[in-house]
Each structure stands twice: as C-alpha cells, then as structure tokens.
C-alpha cells in the first residue's frame, strides 16, 4: 500500500514531507519528515500555510531508501476536524477528508472504540 505524501516548502526554504493520513498523536497532528530531524509531528494548520515544493527529489529518494512506497500528492489536501471521545482516550482530534476516512484511521489502533464525536 502506498503512503500518501505532499512535499511542502517552509519559509526558510527547507522541504518538508507531510503524510496527511498518518497520525502523529491524538491531538490532531500528522506525521512529517525532513532531512534534519527526520520524523516529527506537524499541525494541519501549519501545513495549510505552506506552498507545494518543486525541488523535493532528494527528500523523496531518502524516504524511499528507508522503505517508503510513496504516492505524491500535488498539494495539501482539504481536511475536516473531527473530535471524538473514546473509551481509552479522553478526547481525540483527527483531521481527515471524511467520516469514513476517520474510521479507517482509527481502525489501525487496537483498543480504541469511539463513543461520541462531532465534525462534518
């Protein structure tokens, strides 16, 4: 299965690989990767402020060399905020395209059963 990634350019010129469908934590942050620092978390709000990068080939090659099979997106996708209460975690914030994609994301985690949630 390919991992969706979008390459974004930060203000200082650094390129950031952002994985919009890979949760970093349950506070709404998604996973990103950079040459320096490697894997980390990024807020969706921050990613929305960045422009797509054009010169990302070396970062893409680095990711592929550590095992990623990438599907490169042309821009950061539109995402909605969903807030959920679960049995195991008091609250969960997830950005996703739709409710269906939220259930797909949450199914990756054992022992997480959604009790209530809001979001369109």
PDB file of N, CA and C in Angstrom:
ATOM      1  N   UNK A   1       0.839  -1.184   0.000  1.00  0.00           N
ATOM      2  CA  UNK A   1       0.000   0.000   0.000  1.00  0.00           C
ATOM      3  C   UNK A   1       0.884   1.248   0.000  1.00  0.00           C
ATOM      4  N   UNK A   2       0.574   2.156  -0.863  1.00  0.00           N
ATOM      5  CA  UNK A   2       1.358   3.389  -0.960  1.00  0.00           C
ATOM      6  C   UNK A   2       0.991   4.353   0.170  1.00  0.00           C
ATOM      7  N   UNK A   3       1.981   5.101   0.608  1.00  0.00           N
ATOM      8  CA  UNK A   3       1.781   6.136   1.619  1.00  0.00           C
ATOM      9  C   UNK A   3       1.649   7.470   0.910  1.00  0.00           C
ATOM     10  N   UNK A   4       0.541   8.171   1.176  1.00  0.00           N
ATOM     11  CA  UNK A   4       0.336   9.477   0.561  1.00  0.00           C
ATOM     12  C   UNK A   4       1.242  10.508   1.223  1.00  0.00           C
ATOM     13  N   UNK A   5       1.888  11.323   0.387  1.00  0.00           N
ATOM     14  CA  UNK A   5       2.805  12.347   0.879  1.00  0.00           C
ATOM     15  C   UNK A   5       2.645  13.599   0.020  1.00  0.00           C
ATOM     16  N   UNK A   6       2.801  14.736   0.652  1.00  0.00           N
ATOM     17  CA  UNK A   6       2.875  16.001  -0.078  1.00  0.00           C
ATOM     18  C   UNK A   6       4.149  16.696   0.393  1.00  0.00           C
ATOM     19  N   UNK A   7       4.911  17.219  -0.558  1.00  0.00           N
ATOM     20  CA  UNK A   7       6.152  17.922  -0.235  1.00  0.00           C
ATOM     21  C   UNK A   7       5.856  19.414  -0.204  1.00  0.00           C
ATOM     22  N   UNK A   8       6.157  20.033   0.939  1.00  0.00           N
ATOM     23  CA  UNK A   8       5.864  21.447   1.153  1.00  0.00           C
ATOM     24  C   UNK A   8       7.150  22.204   1.445  1.00  0.00           C
ATOM     25  N   UNK A   9       7.165  23.465   1.031  1.00  0.00           N
ATOM     26  CA  UNK A   9       8.350  24.306   1.238  1.00  0.00           C
ATOM     27  C   UNK A   9       8.094  25.256   2.403  1.00  0.00           C
ATOM     28  N   UNK A  10       9.000  25.193   3.391  1.00  0.00           N
ATOM     29  CA  UNK A  10       8.887  26.093   4.538  1.00  0.00           C
ATOM     30  C   UNK A  10       9.478  27.454   4.179  1.00  0.00           C
ATOM     31  N   UNK A  11       9.192  28.449   5.013  1.00  0.00           N
ATOM     32  CA  UNK A  11       9.644  29.820   4.732  1.00  0.00           C
ATOM     33  C   UNK A  11      11.154  29.922   4.603  1.00  0.00           C
ATOM     34  N   UNK A  12      11.894  29.093   5.352  1.00  0.00           N
ATOM     35  CA  UNK A  12      13.357  29.152   5.288  1.00  0.00           C
ATOM     36  C   UNK A  12      13.925  28.373   4.100  1.00  0.00           C
ATOM     37  N   UNK A  13      13.025  27.792   3.274  1.00  0.00           N
ATOM     38  CA  UNK A  13      13.447  27.067   2.086  1.00  0.00           C
ATOM     39  C   UNK A  13      13.572  25.567   2.276  1.00  0.00           C
ATOM     40  N   UNK A  14      13.504  25.108   3.523  1.00  0.00           N
ATOM     41  CA  UNK A  14      13.576  23.667   3.773  1.00  0.00           C
ATOM     42  C   UNK A  14      12.340  22.975   3.204  1.00  0.00           C
ATOM     43  N   UNK A  15      12.539  21.733   2.767  1.00  0.00           N
ATOM     44  CA  UNK A  15      11.440  20.933   2.239  1.00  0.00           C
ATOM     45  C   UNK A  15      10.969  19.976   3.317  1.00  0.00           C
ATOM     46  N   UNK A  16       9.668  19.883   3.468  1.00  0.00           N
ATOM     47  CA  UNK A  16       9.040  19.037   4.468  1.00  0.00           C
ATOM     48  C   UNK A  16       8.164  18.025   3.744  1.00  0.00           C
ATOM     49  N   UNK A  17       8.347  16.746   4.045  1.00  0.00           N
ATOM     50  CA  UNK A  17       7.460  15.696   3.534  1.00  0.00           C
ATOM     51  C   UNK A  17       6.365  15.506   4.572  1.00  0.00           C
ATOM     52  N   UNK A  18       5.125  15.694   4.173  1.00  0.00           N
ATOM     53  CA  UNK A  18       3.994  15.608   5.093  1.00  0.00           C
ATOM     54  C   UNK A  18       3.116  14.426   4.684  1.00  0.00           C
ATOM     55  N   UNK A  19       2.787  13.593   5.659  1.00  0.00           N
ATOM     56  CA  UNK A  19       1.940  12.427   5.442  1.00  0.00           C
ATOM     57  C   UNK A  19       0.555  12.720   6.022  1.00  0.00           C
ATOM     58  N   UNK A  20      -0.370  13.244   5.217  1.00  0.00           N
ATOM     59  CA  UNK A  20      -1.649  13.696   5.752  1.00  0.00           C
ATOM     60  C   UNK A  20      -2.521  12.596   6.348  1.00  0.00           C
ATOM     61  N   UNK A  21      -2.267  11.357   6.021  1.00  0.00           N
ATOM     62  CA  UNK A  21      -3.097  10.268   6.538  1.00  0.00           C
ATOM     63  C   UNK A  21      -2.406   9.465   7.638  1.00  0.00           C
ATOM     64  N   UNK A  22      -1.269   9.963   8.126  1.00  0.00           N
ATOM     65  CA  UNK A  22      -0.538   9.252   9.191  1.00  0.00           C
ATOM     66  C   UNK A  22      -0.566  10.118  10.448  1.00  0.00           C
ATOM     67  N   UNK A  23      -1.306   9.644  11.453  1.00  0.00           N
ATOM     68  CA  UNK A  23      -1.396  10.388  12.712  1.00  0.00           C
ATOM     69  C   UNK A  23      -0.055  10.397  13.417  1.00  0.00           C
ATOM     70  N   UNK A  24       0.266  11.522  14.024  1.00  0.00           N
ATOM     71  CA  UNK A  24       1.450  11.604  14.877  1.00  0.00           C
ATOM     72  C   UNK A  24       1.037  11.458  16.341  1.00  0.00           C
ATOM     73  N   UNK A  25      -0.138  11.979  16.661  1.00  0.00           N
ATOM     74  CA  UNK A  25      -0.673  11.889  18.016  1.00  0.00           C
ATOM     75  C   UNK A  25      -2.177  12.101  17.943  1.00  0.00           C
ATOM     76  N   UNK A  26      -2.832  12.008  19.072  1.00  0.00           N
ATOM     77  CA  UNK A  26      -4.285  12.180  19.100  1.00  0.00           C
ATOM     78  C   UNK A  26      -4.694  13.620  19.382  1.00  0.00           C
ATOM     79  N   UNK A  27      -3.765  14.569  19.200  1.00  0.00           N
ATOM     80  CA  UNK A  27      -4.073  15.989  19.363  1.00  0.00           C
ATOM     81  C   UNK A  27      -4.312  16.672  18.019  1.00  0.00           C
ATOM     82  N   UNK A  28      -4.375  15.905  16.957  1.00  0.00           N
ATOM     83  CA  UNK A  28      -4.648  16.465  15.632  1.00  0.00           C
ATOM     84  C   UNK A  28      -3.413  16.657  14.777  1.00  0.00           C
ATOM     85  N   UNK A  29      -2.235  16.299  15.282  1.00  0.00           N
ATOM     86  CA  UNK A  29      -1.014  16.453  14.499  1.00  0.00           C
ATOM     87  C   UNK A  29      -0.805  15.250  13.583  1.00  0.00           C
ATOM     88  N   UNK A  30      -0.228  15.521  12.423  1.00  0.00           N
ATOM     89  CA  UNK A  30       0.075  14.465  11.471  1.00  0.00           C
ATOM     90  C   UNK A  30       1.586  14.300  11.393  1.00  0.00           C
ATOM     91  N   UNK A  31       2.022  13.229  10.762  1.00  0.00           N
ATOM     92  CA  UNK A  31       3.448  12.936  10.698  1.00  0.00           C
ATOM     93  C   UNK A  31       4.100  13.644   9.521  1.00  0.00           C
ATOM     94  N   UNK A  32       5.331  14.102   9.755  1.00  0.00           N
ATOM     95  CA  UNK A  32       6.109  14.731   8.694  1.00  0.00           C
ATOM     96  C   UNK A  32       7.538  14.212   8.784  1.00  0.00           C
ATOM     97  N   UNK A  33       8.345  14.576   7.786  1.00  0.00           N
ATOM     98  CA  UNK A  33       9.733  14.110   7.728  1.00  0.00           C
ATOM     99  C   UNK A  33      10.562  15.187   7.050  1.00  0.00           C
ATOM    100  N   UNK A  34      11.745  15.425   7.586  1.00  0.00           N
ATOM    101  CA  UNK A  34      12.682  16.382   6.996  1.00  0.00           C
ATOM    102  C   UNK A  34      14.081  15.787   7.055  1.00  0.00           C
ATOM    103  N   UNK A  35      14.985  16.297   6.203  1.00  0.00           N
ATOM    104  CA  UNK A  35      16.370  15.820   6.223  1.00  0.00           C
ATOM    105  C   UNK A  35      16.942  15.911   7.636  1.00  0.00           C
ATOM    106  N   UNK A  36      16.806  17.077   8.249  1.00  0.00           N
ATOM    107  CA  UNK A  36      17.302  17.295   9.603  1.00  0.00           C
ATOM    108  C   UNK A  36      16.126  17.094  10.561  1.00  0.00           C
ATOM    109  N   UNK A  37      16.272  16.197  11.495  1.00  0.00           N
ATOM    110  CA  UNK A  37      15.206  15.933  12.457  1.00  0.00           C
ATOM    111  C   UNK A  37      14.390  14.705  12.109  1.00  0.00           C
ATOM    112  N   UNK A  38      14.357  14.349  10.862  1.00  0.00           N
ATOM    113  CA  UNK A  38      13.644  13.186  10.350  1.00  0.00           C
ATOM    114  C   UNK A  38      12.175  13.179  10.772  1.00  0.00           C
ATOM    115  N   UNK A  39      11.648  12.083  11.316  1.00  0.00           N
ATOM    116  CA  UNK A  39      10.216  12.007  11.632  1.00  0.00           C
ATOM    117  C   UNK A  39       9.853  12.940  12.784  1.00  0.00           C
ATOM    118  N   UNK A  40       8.702  13.586  12.628  1.00  0.00           N
ATOM    119  CA  UNK A  40       8.206  14.503  13.642  1.00  0.00           C
ATOM    120  C   UNK A  40       6.710  14.680  13.428  1.00  0.00           C
ATOM    121  N   UNK A  41       6.127  15.567  14.210  1.00  0.00           N
ATOM    122  CA  UNK A  41       4.718  15.910  14.057  1.00  0.00           C
ATOM    123  C   UNK A  41       4.576  17.316  13.529  1.00  0.00           C
ATOM    124  N   UNK A  42       3.469  17.548  12.823  1.00  0.00           N
ATOM    125  CA  UNK A  42       3.170  18.880  12.291  1.00  0.00           C
ATOM    126  C   UNK A  42       1.680  19.135  12.426  1.00  0.00           C
ATOM    127  N   UNK A  43       1.336  20.361  12.738  1.00  0.00           N
ATOM    128  CA  UNK A  43      -0.089  20.686  12.817  1.00  0.00           C
ATOM    129  C   UNK A  43      -0.638  20.895  11.402  1.00  0.00           C
ATOM    130  N   UNK A  44      -1.879  20.511  11.230  1.00  0.00           N
ATOM    131  CA  UNK A  44      -2.539  20.707   9.940  1.00  0.00           C
ATOM    132  C   UNK A  44      -2.604  22.198   9.624  1.00  0.00           C
ATOM    133  N   UNK A  45      -2.839  23.013  10.640  1.00  0.00           N
ATOM    134  CA  UNK A  45      -2.918  24.460  10.438  1.00  0.00           C
ATOM    135  C   UNK A  45      -1.615  25.001   9.849  1.00  0.00           C
ATOM    136  N   UNK A  46      -0.486  24.524  10.354  1.00  0.00           N
ATOM    137  CA  UNK A  46       0.815  24.952   9.834  1.00  0.00           C
ATOM    138  C   UNK A  46       0.989  24.493   8.389  1.00  0.00           C
ATOM    139  N   UNK A  47       0.682  23.248   8.130  1.00  0.00           N
ATOM    140  CA  UNK A  47       0.851  22.705   6.775  1.00  0.00           C
ATOM    141  C   UNK A  47       0.021  23.467   5.747  1.00  0.00           C
ATOM    142  N   UNK A  48      -1.159  23.924   6.154  1.00  0.00           N
ATOM    143  CA  UNK A  48      -2.030  24.677   5.240  1.00  0.00           C
ATOM    144  C   UNK A  48      -1.415  26.011   4.830  1.00  0.00           C
ATOM    145  N   UNK A  49      -0.467  26.521   5.617  1.00  0.00           N
ATOM    146  CA  UNK A  49       0.156  27.817   5.295  1.00  0.00           C
ATOM    147  C   UNK A  49       1.310  27.670   4.300  1.00  0.00           C
ATOM    148  N   UNK A  50       1.746  26.446   4.052  1.00  0.00           N
ATOM    149  CA  UNK A  50       2.914  26.206   3.199  1.00  0.00           C
ATOM    150  C   UNK A  50       2.512  25.958   1.749  1.00  0.00           C
ATOM    151  N   UNK A  51       3.433  26.261   0.863  1.00  0.00           N
ATOM    152  CA  UNK A  51       3.221  26.053  -0.569  1.00  0.00           C
ATOM    153  C   UNK A  51       3.842  24.726  -0.999  1.00  0.00           C
ATOM    154  N   UNK A  52       3.265  24.103  -2.040  1.00  0.00           N
ATOM    155  CA  UNK A  52       3.878  22.871  -2.556  1.00  0.00           C
ATOM    156  C   UNK A  52       5.315  23.133  -3.012  1.00  0.00           C
ATOM    157  N   UNK A  53       6.183  22.171  -2.749  1.00  0.00           N
ATOM    158  CA  UNK A  53       7.586  22.274  -3.152  1.00  0.00           C
ATOM    159  C   UNK A  53       7.763  21.653  -4.532  1.00  0.00           C
ATOM    160  N   UNK A  54       8.722  22.188  -5.257  1.00  0.00           N
ATOM    161  CA  UNK A  54       9.020  21.642  -6.579  1.00  0.00           C
ATOM    162  C   UNK A  54      10.315  20.837  -6.577  1.00  0.00           C
ATOM    163  N   UNK A  55      11.231  21.198  -5.721  1.00  0.00           N
ATOM    164  CA  UNK A  55      12.561  20.569  -5.704  1.00  0.00           C
ATOM    165  C   UNK A  55      12.688  19.591  -4.533  1.00  0.00           C
ATOM    166  N   UNK A  56      11.914  18.522  -4.582  1.00  0.00           N
ATOM    167  CA  UNK A  56      11.842  17.583  -3.467  1.00  0.00           C
ATOM    168  C   UNK A  56      12.447  16.212  -3.772  1.00  0.00           C
ATOM    169  N   UNK A  57      13.034  16.008  -4.933  1.00  0.00           N
ATOM    170  CA  UNK A  57      13.508  14.685  -5.354  1.00  0.00           C
ATOM    171  C   UNK A  57      14.465  14.042  -4.353  1.00  0.00           C
ATOM    172  N   UNK A  58      15.400  14.810  -3.785  1.00  0.00           N
ATOM    173  CA  UNK A  58      16.361  14.203  -2.861  1.00  0.00           C
ATOM    174  C   UNK A  58      15.681  13.719  -1.582  1.00  0.00           C
ATOM    175  N   UNK A  59      14.684  14.459  -1.105  1.00  0.00           N
ATOM    176  CA  UNK A  59      13.952  14.028   0.086  1.00  0.00           C
ATOM    177  C   UNK A  59      13.090  12.801  -0.236  1.00  0.00           C
ATOM    178  N   UNK A  60      12.507  12.784  -1.397  1.00  0.00           N
ATOM    179  CA  UNK A  60      11.726  11.628  -1.841  1.00  0.00           C
ATOM    180  C   UNK A  60      12.613  10.388  -1.913  1.00  0.00           C
ATOM    181  N   UNK A  61      13.804  10.529  -2.482  1.00  0.00           N
ATOM    182  CA  UNK A  61      14.742   9.405  -2.572  1.00  0.00           C
ATOM    183  C   UNK A  61      15.162   8.913  -1.189  1.00  0.00           C
ATOM    184  N   UNK A  62      15.366   9.849  -0.259  1.00  0.00           N
ATOM    185  CA  UNK A  62      15.723   9.468   1.108  1.00  0.00           C
ATOM    186  C   UNK A  62      14.610   8.632   1.745  1.00  0.00           C
ATOM    187  N   UNK A  63      13.374   9.069   1.563  1.00  0.00           N
ATOM    188  CA  UNK A  63      12.240   8.328   2.121  1.00  0.00           C
ATOM    189  C   UNK A  63      12.117   6.938   1.497  1.00  0.00           C
ATOM    190  N   UNK A  64      12.295   6.856   0.193  1.00  0.00           N
ATOM    191  CA  UNK A  64      12.211   5.563  -0.484  1.00  0.00           C
ATOM    192  C   UNK A  64      13.349   4.637  -0.054  1.00  0.00           C
ATOM    193  N   UNK A  65      14.512   5.211   0.264  1.00  0.00           N
ATOM    194  CA  UNK A  65      15.650   4.395   0.695  1.00  0.00           C
ATOM    195  C   UNK A  65      15.439   3.768   2.073  1.00  0.00           C
ATOM    196  N   UNK A  66      14.508   4.328   2.861  1.00  0.00           N
ATOM    197  CA  UNK A  66      14.215   3.742   4.175  1.00  0.00           C
ATOM    198  C   UNK A  66      12.916   2.926   4.143  1.00  0.00           C
ATOM    199  N   UNK A  67      12.403   2.670   2.933  1.00  0.00           N
ATOM    200  CA  UNK A  67      11.289   1.735   2.811  1.00  0.00           C
ATOM    201  C   UNK A  67       9.935   2.283   2.424  1.00  0.00           C
ATOM    202  N   UNK A  68       9.816   3.574   2.256  1.00  0.00           N
ATOM    203  CA  UNK A  68       8.522   4.133   1.874  1.00  0.00           C
ATOM    204  C   UNK A  68       8.205   3.843   0.413  1.00  0.00           C
ATOM    205  N   UNK A  69       6.941   3.513   0.141  1.00  0.00           N
ATOM    206  CA  UNK A  69       6.393   3.403  -1.207  1.00  0.00           C
ATOM    207  C   UNK A  69       5.403   4.557  -1.309  1.00  0.00           C
ATOM    208  N   UNK A  70       5.781   5.620  -2.010  1.00  0.00           N
ATOM    209  CA  UNK A  70       5.067   6.894  -1.935  1.00  0.00           C
ATOM    210  C   UNK A  70       4.108   7.146  -3.088  1.00  0.00           C
ATOM    211  N   UNK A  71       3.000   7.778  -2.727  1.00  0.00           N
ATOM    212  CA  UNK A  71       2.078   8.373  -3.696  1.00  0.00           C
ATOM    213  C   UNK A  71       2.143   9.877  -3.456  1.00  0.00           C
ATOM    214  N   UNK A  72       2.761  10.601  -4.379  1.00  0.00           N
ATOM    215  CA  UNK A  72       2.974  12.040  -4.197  1.00  0.00           C
ATOM    216  C   UNK A  72       1.708  12.805  -4.583  1.00  0.00           C
ATOM    217  N   UNK A  73       1.224  13.617  -3.646  1.00  0.00           N
ATOM    218  CA  UNK A  73       0.061  14.475  -3.888  1.00  0.00           C
ATOM    219  C   UNK A  73       0.547  15.833  -4.375  1.00  0.00           C
ATOM    220  N   UNK A  74      -0.201  16.488  -5.269  1.00  0.00           N
ATOM    221  CA  UNK A  74       0.246  17.772  -5.801  1.00  0.00           C
ATOM    222  C   UNK A  74       0.138  18.939  -4.813  1.00  0.00           C
ATOM    223  N   UNK A  75      -0.745  18.810  -3.832  1.00  0.00           N
ATOM    224  CA  UNK A  75      -0.931  19.877  -2.834  1.00  0.00           C
ATOM    225  C   UNK A  75      -1.491  19.273  -1.561  1.00  0.00           C
ATOM    226  N   UNK A  76      -1.476  20.068  -0.498  1.00  0.00           N
ATOM    227  CA  UNK A  76      -2.008  19.593   0.774  1.00  0.00           C
ATOM    228  C   UNK A  76      -3.522  19.426   0.641  1.00  0.00           C
ATOM    229  N   UNK A  77      -4.058  18.260   1.001  1.00  0.00           N
ATOM    230  CA  UNK A  77      -5.491  18.008   0.796  1.00  0.00           C
ATOM    231  C   UNK A  77      -6.377  18.789   1.753  1.00  0.00           C
ATOM    232  N   UNK A  78      -7.596  19.012   1.339  1.00  0.00           N
ATOM    233  CA  UNK A  78      -8.603  19.637   2.209  1.00  0.00           C
ATOM    234  C   UNK A  78      -8.984  18.597   3.266  1.00  0.00           C
ATOM    235  N   UNK A  79      -9.002  19.037   4.520  1.00  0.00           N
ATOM    236  CA  UNK A  79      -9.301  18.120   5.616  1.00  0.00           C
ATOM    237  C   UNK A  79     -10.227  18.787   6.618  1.00  0.00           C
ATOM    238  N   UNK A  80     -11.105  18.002   7.226  1.00  0.00           N
ATOM    239  CA  UNK A  80     -12.019  18.475   8.260  1.00  0.00           C
ATOM    240  C   UNK A  80     -11.530  18.007   9.622  1.00  0.00           C
ATOM    241  N   UNK A  81     -11.885  18.754  10.651  1.00  0.00           N
ATOM    242  CA  UNK A  81     -11.518  18.379  12.015  1.00  0.00           C
ATOM    243  C   UNK A  81     -12.635  17.548  12.627  1.00  0.00           C
ATOM    244  N   UNK A  82     -12.266  16.413  13.202  1.00  0.00           N
ATOM    245  CA  UNK A  82     -13.195  15.550  13.926  1.00  0.00           C
ATOM    246  C   UNK A  82     -12.677  15.412  15.352  1.00  0.00           C
ATOM    247  N   UNK A  83     -13.575  15.583  16.313  1.00  0.00           N
ATOM    248  CA  UNK A  83     -13.218  15.443  17.723  1.00  0.00           C
ATOM    249  C   UNK A  83     -14.038  14.295  18.288  1.00  0.00           C
ATOM    250  N   UNK A  84     -13.364  13.344  18.913  1.00  0.00           N
ATOM    251  CA  UNK A  84     -14.032  12.157  19.415  1.00  0.00           C
ATOM    252  C   UNK A  84     -13.692  11.890  20.861  1.00  0.00           C
ATOM    253  N   UNK A  85     -14.599  11.245  21.535  1.00  0.00           N
ATOM    254  CA  UNK A  85     -14.354  10.714  22.878  1.00  0.00           C
ATOM    255  C   UNK A  85     -14.297   9.196  22.717  1.00  0.00           C
ATOM    256  N   UNK A  86     -13.288   8.583  23.303  1.00  0.00           N
ATOM    257  CA  UNK A  86     -13.162   7.130  23.208  1.00  0.00           C
ATOM    258  C   UNK A  86     -13.148   6.525  24.603  1.00  0.00           C
ATOM    259  N   UNK A  87     -13.247   5.218  24.651  1.00  0.00           N
ATOM    260  CA  UNK A  87     -13.194   4.535  25.948  1.00  0.00           C
ATOM    261  C   UNK A  87     -11.820   4.657  26.582  1.00  0.00           C
ATOM    262  N   UNK A  88     -10.768   4.680  25.765  1.00  0.00           N
ATOM    263  CA  UNK A  88      -9.409   4.629  26.279  1.00  0.00           C
ATOM    264  C   UNK A  88      -8.708   5.979  26.323  1.00  0.00           C
ATOM    265  N   UNK A  89      -9.174   6.932  25.517  1.00  0.00           N
ATOM    266  CA  UNK A  89      -8.530   8.239  25.419  1.00  0.00           C
ATOM    267  C   UNK A  89      -9.619   9.286  25.645  1.00  0.00           C
ATOM    268  N   UNK A  90      -9.417  10.231  26.585  1.00  0.00           N
ATOM    269  CA  UNK A  90     -10.480  11.196  26.899  1.00  0.00           C
ATOM    270  C   UNK A  90     -11.008  11.955  25.684  1.00  0.00           C
ATOM    271  N   UNK A  91     -10.111  12.337  24.783  1.00  0.00           N
ATOM    272  CA  UNK A  91     -10.550  13.005  23.561  1.00  0.00           C
ATOM    273  C   UNK A  91      -9.503  12.812  22.490  1.00  0.00           C
ATOM    274  N   UNK A  92      -9.971  12.809  21.266  1.00  0.00           N
ATOM    275  CA  UNK A  92      -9.097  12.601  20.120  1.00  0.00           C
ATOM    276  C   UNK A  92      -9.458  13.639  19.070  1.00  0.00           C
ATOM    277  N   UNK A  93      -8.452  14.334  18.548  1.00  0.00           N
ATOM    278  CA  UNK A  93      -8.646  15.257  17.430  1.00  0.00           C
ATOM    279  C   UNK A  93      -7.981  14.651  16.209  1.00  0.00           C
ATOM    280  N   UNK A  94      -8.741  14.536  15.130  1.00  0.00           N
ATOM    281  CA  UNK A  94      -8.197  13.985  13.893  1.00  0.00           C
ATOM    282  C   UNK A  94      -8.664  14.845  12.733  1.00  0.00           C
ATOM    283  N   UNK A  95      -7.735  15.161  11.842  1.00  0.00           N
ATOM    284  CA  UNK A  95      -8.076  15.810  10.592  1.00  0.00           C
ATOM    285  C   UNK A  95      -8.172  14.731   9.526  1.00  0.00           C
ATOM    286  N   UNK A  96      -9.248  14.736   8.770  1.00  0.00           N
ATOM    287  CA  UNK A  96      -9.441  13.745   7.721  1.00  0.00           C
ATOM    288  C   UNK A  96     -10.378  14.317   6.665  1.00  0.00           C
ATOM    289  N   UNK A  97     -10.435  13.649   5.529  1.00  0.00           N
ATOM    290  CA  UNK A  97     -11.306  14.096   4.439  1.00  0.00           C
ATOM    291  C   UNK A  97     -12.776  13.868   4.749  1.00  0.00           C
ATOM    292  N   UNK A  98     -13.087  12.756   5.410  1.00  0.00           N
ATOM    293  CA  UNK A  98     -14.483  12.390   5.640  1.00  0.00           C
ATOM    294  C   UNK A  98     -14.598  11.513   6.882  1.00  0.00           C
ATOM    295  N   UNK A  99     -15.838  11.283   7.324  1.00  0.00           N
ATOM    296  CA  UNK A  99     -16.065  10.386   8.458  1.00  0.00           C
ATOM    297  C   UNK A  99     -15.555   8.982   8.143  1.00  0.00           C
ATOM    298  N   UNK A 100     -15.748   8.548   6.920  1.00  0.00           N
ATOM    299  CA  UNK A 100     -15.283   7.220   6.519  1.00  0.00           C
ATOM    300  C   UNK A 100     -13.774   7.098   6.700  1.00  0.00           C
ATOM    301  N   UNK A 101     -13.042   8.127   6.311  1.00  0.00           N
ATOM    302  CA  UNK A 101     -11.587   8.063   6.461  1.00  0.00           C
ATOM    303  C   UNK A 101     -11.170   8.122   7.929  1.00  0.00           C
ATOM    304  N   UNK A 102     -11.986   8.733   8.792  1.00  0.00           N
ATOM    305  CA  UNK A 102     -11.702   8.725  10.231  1.00  0.00           C
ATOM    306  C   UNK A 102     -11.780   7.294  10.758  1.00  0.00           C
ATOM    307  N   UNK A 103     -12.831   6.583  10.367  1.00  0.00           N
ATOM    308  CA  UNK A 103     -12.966   5.198  10.820  1.00  0.00           C
ATOM    309  C   UNK A 103     -11.818   4.341  10.308  1.00  0.00           C
ATOM    310  N   UNK A 104     -11.360   4.597   9.084  1.00  0.00           N
ATOM    311  CA  UNK A 104     -10.212   3.857   8.557  1.00  0.00           C
ATOM    312  C   UNK A 104      -8.960   4.136   9.373  1.00  0.00           C
ATOM    313  N   UNK A 105      -8.738   5.423   9.725  1.00  0.00           N
ATOM    314  CA  UNK A 105      -7.578   5.778  10.548  1.00  0.00           C
ATOM    315  C   UNK A 105      -7.667   5.136  11.929  1.00  0.00           C
ATOM    316  N   UNK A 106      -8.827   5.216  12.552  1.00  0.00           N
ATOM    317  CA  UNK A 106      -8.981   4.710  13.908  1.00  0.00           C
ATOM    318  C   UNK A 106      -8.915   3.185  13.958  1.00  0.00           C
ATOM    319  N   UNK A 107      -9.249   2.509  12.869  1.00  0.00           N
ATOM    320  CA  UNK A 107      -9.204   1.043  12.863  1.00  0.00           C
ATOM    321  C   UNK A 107      -7.772   0.516  12.954  1.00  0.00           C
ATOM    322  N   UNK A 108      -6.791   1.376  12.729  1.00  0.00           N
ATOM    323  CA  UNK A 108      -5.382   0.969  12.833  1.00  0.00           C
ATOM    324  C   UNK A 108      -4.926   0.819  14.277  1.00  0.00           C
ATOM    325  N   UNK A 109      -5.722   1.338  15.209  1.00  0.00           N
ATOM    326  CA  UNK A 109      -5.334   1.341  16.611  1.00  0.00           C
ATOM    327  C   UNK A 109      -6.213   0.372  17.390  1.00  0.00           C
ATOM    328  N   UNK A 110      -5.580  -0.567  18.072  1.00  0.00           N
ATOM    329  CA  UNK A 110      -6.326  -1.511  18.899  1.00  0.00           C
ATOM    330  C   UNK A 110      -6.818  -0.801  20.157  1.00  0.00           C
ATOM    331  N   UNK A 111      -7.882  -1.307  20.701  1.00  0.00           N
ATOM    332  CA  UNK A 111      -8.427  -0.818  21.976  1.00  0.00           C
ATOM    333  C   UNK A 111      -8.916   0.619  21.915  1.00  0.00           C
ATOM    334  N   UNK A 112      -9.242   1.125  20.749  1.00  0.00           N
ATOM    335  CA  UNK A 112      -9.817   2.464  20.641  1.00  0.00           C
ATOM    336  C   UNK A 112     -11.214   2.316  20.062  1.00  0.00           C
ATOM    337  N   UNK A 113     -12.201   2.560  20.893  1.00  0.00           N
ATOM    338  CA  UNK A 113     -13.582   2.474  20.458  1.00  0.00           C
ATOM    339  C   UNK A 113     -14.215   3.857  20.617  1.00  0.00           C
ATOM    340  N   UNK A 114     -14.714   4.402  19.529  1.00  0.00           N
ATOM    341  CA  UNK A 114     -15.305   5.740  19.545  1.00  0.00           C
ATOM    342  C   UNK A 114     -16.664   5.674  20.222  1.00  0.00           C
ATOM    343  N   UNK A 115     -16.870   6.576  21.204  1.00  0.00           N
ATOM    344  CA  UNK A 115     -18.150   6.655  21.908  1.00  0.00           C
ATOM    345  C   UNK A 115     -18.990   7.775  21.313  1.00  0.00           C
ATOM    346  N   UNK A 116     -18.444   8.975  21.249  1.00  0.00           N
ATOM    347  CA  UNK A 116     -19.150  10.112  20.647  1.00  0.00           C
ATOM    348  C   UNK A 116     -18.159  10.886  19.801  1.00  0.00           C
ATOM    349  N   UNK A 117     -18.705  11.670  18.872  1.00  0.00           N
ATOM    350  CA  UNK A 117     -17.823  12.512  18.077  1.00  0.00           C
ATOM    351  C   UNK A 117     -18.613  13.603  17.412  1.00  0.00           C
ATOM    352  N   UNK A 118     -17.874  14.623  16.968  1.00  0.00           N
ATOM    353  CA  UNK A 118     -18.514  15.705  16.217  1.00  0.00           C
ATOM    354  C   UNK A 118     -17.592  16.082  15.074  1.00  0.00           C
ATOM    355  N   UNK A 119     -18.185  16.621  14.064  1.00  0.00           N
ATOM    356  CA  UNK A 119     -17.447  17.006  12.856  1.00  0.00           C
ATOM    357  C   UNK A 119     -18.301  16.687  11.649  1.00  0.00           C
ATOM    358  N   UNK A 120     -18.070  17.416  10.572  1.00  0.00           N
ATOM    359  CA  UNK A 120     -18.923  17.211   9.395  1.00  0.00           C
ATOM    360  C   UNK A 120     -18.301  16.252   8.417  1.00  0.00           C
TER     361      UNK A 120
END
